[in-house]
Protein backbone atom coordinates (compact mmCIF):
# COMPACT_ATOMS: atom_id res chain seq x y z
CA UNK A 1 30.77 -116.36 32.83
CA UNK A 2 31.54 -119.22 30.42
CA UNK A 3 34.96 -119.23 28.50
CA UNK A 4 35.49 -116.38 25.97
CA UNK A 5 36.61 -116.62 23.00
CA UNK A 6 38.49 -114.96 20.11
CA UNK A 7 34.54 -115.32 18.62
CA UNK A 8 33.37 -112.85 21.82
CA UNK A 9 35.74 -110.41 21.88
CA UNK A 10 35.31 -109.93 17.57
CA UNK A 11 32.03 -108.33 18.61
CA UNK A 12 33.87 -106.00 20.68
CA UNK A 13 36.05 -104.76 18.98
CA UNK A 14 33.50 -104.49 15.83
CA UNK A 15 31.61 -102.14 18.23
CA UNK A 16 33.71 -99.87 19.86
CA UNK A 17 33.98 -96.18 18.92
CA UNK A 18 36.50 -95.24 17.09
CA UNK A 19 37.74 -97.91 15.37
CA UNK A 20 38.29 -98.04 11.30
CA UNK A 21 35.24 -99.72 9.78
CA UNK A 22 37.26 -101.01 7.51
CA UNK A 23 39.31 -103.85 9.44
CA UNK A 24 38.99 -106.88 8.66
CA UNK A 25 38.27 -109.05 11.25
CA UNK A 26 37.04 -112.48 10.13
CA UNK A 27 40.19 -113.39 8.97
CA UNK A 28 42.86 -115.21 11.35
CA UNK A 29 43.42 -112.44 12.94
CA UNK A 30 44.47 -114.13 16.43
CA UNK A 31 48.20 -113.65 16.61
CA UNK A 32 47.97 -109.94 15.09
CA UNK A 33 48.90 -107.32 17.11
CA UNK A 34 46.28 -104.74 17.57
CA UNK A 35 48.03 -101.90 16.53
CA UNK A 36 47.60 -104.03 13.00
CA UNK A 37 44.69 -103.90 13.14
CA UNK A 38 44.91 -100.17 13.64
CA UNK A 39 43.70 -100.89 17.89
CA UNK A 40 45.75 -98.13 19.88
CA UNK A 41 46.02 -98.29 23.00
CA UNK A 42 43.27 -96.18 23.20
CA UNK A 43 41.04 -98.44 21.79
CA UNK A 44 42.30 -102.10 23.29
CA UNK A 45 40.91 -99.61 26.46
CA UNK A 46 37.61 -99.73 25.40
CA UNK A 47 37.91 -103.01 24.68
CA UNK A 48 38.67 -103.71 28.04
CA UNK A 49 36.20 -101.69 29.59
CA UNK A 50 33.07 -103.23 27.19
CA UNK A 51 34.25 -106.81 29.10
CA UNK A 52 34.73 -105.77 32.12
CA UNK A 53 31.14 -104.13 32.19
CA UNK A 54 29.58 -107.72 29.89
CA UNK A 55 31.27 -109.62 32.18
CA UNK A 56 32.04 -108.20 35.66
CA UNK A 57 35.80 -109.23 35.41
CA UNK A 58 37.76 -106.64 37.13
CA UNK A 59 41.18 -105.70 34.32
CA UNK A 60 43.11 -103.70 35.52
CA UNK A 61 44.98 -100.57 32.95
CA UNK A 62 47.79 -102.51 32.73
CA UNK A 63 47.29 -105.66 31.44
CA UNK A 64 46.93 -104.14 28.43
CA UNK A 65 50.40 -104.74 28.13
CA UNK A 66 49.92 -108.20 28.63
CA UNK A 67 47.70 -107.99 25.57
CA UNK A 68 48.54 -107.62 22.62
CA UNK A 69 46.60 -110.09 20.13
CA UNK A 70 43.39 -110.79 20.01
CA UNK A 71 44.44 -114.21 21.66
CA UNK A 72 46.17 -113.26 24.34
CA UNK A 73 43.69 -110.95 25.14
CA UNK A 74 41.73 -114.36 25.39
CA UNK A 75 43.64 -115.83 27.56
CA UNK A 76 44.39 -113.54 29.68
CA UNK A 77 40.36 -112.72 30.37
CA UNK A 78 39.74 -116.06 31.00
CA UNK A 79 42.94 -116.77 32.78
CA UNK A 80 41.23 -114.01 35.09
CA UNK A 81 37.89 -115.10 34.88
CA UNK A 82 38.98 -118.61 36.24
CA UNK A 83 41.00 -116.87 39.21
CA UNK A 84 37.86 -115.32 39.93
CA UNK A 85 38.38 -111.28 39.76
CA UNK A 86 35.06 -110.03 39.79
CA UNK A 87 33.60 -106.47 40.77
């Protein structure tokens, strides 16, 4: 996998079910809490699931606590990818 980035996360966020379409993801969202972006814990779990399917990275459910913002999620996903945490 090439390095996972914020733009790829934005694409996944836009396609997630149950997310308010009025949320502006085009701006500087990197350090905003997912909750402030309209994403509850179930929506974040859906993001995680989509990343797992797309990239074959195993992300434990409890990892959601380590990914409170989009930037932290990108960092966590890239760390797992570098460690070779594949399904």
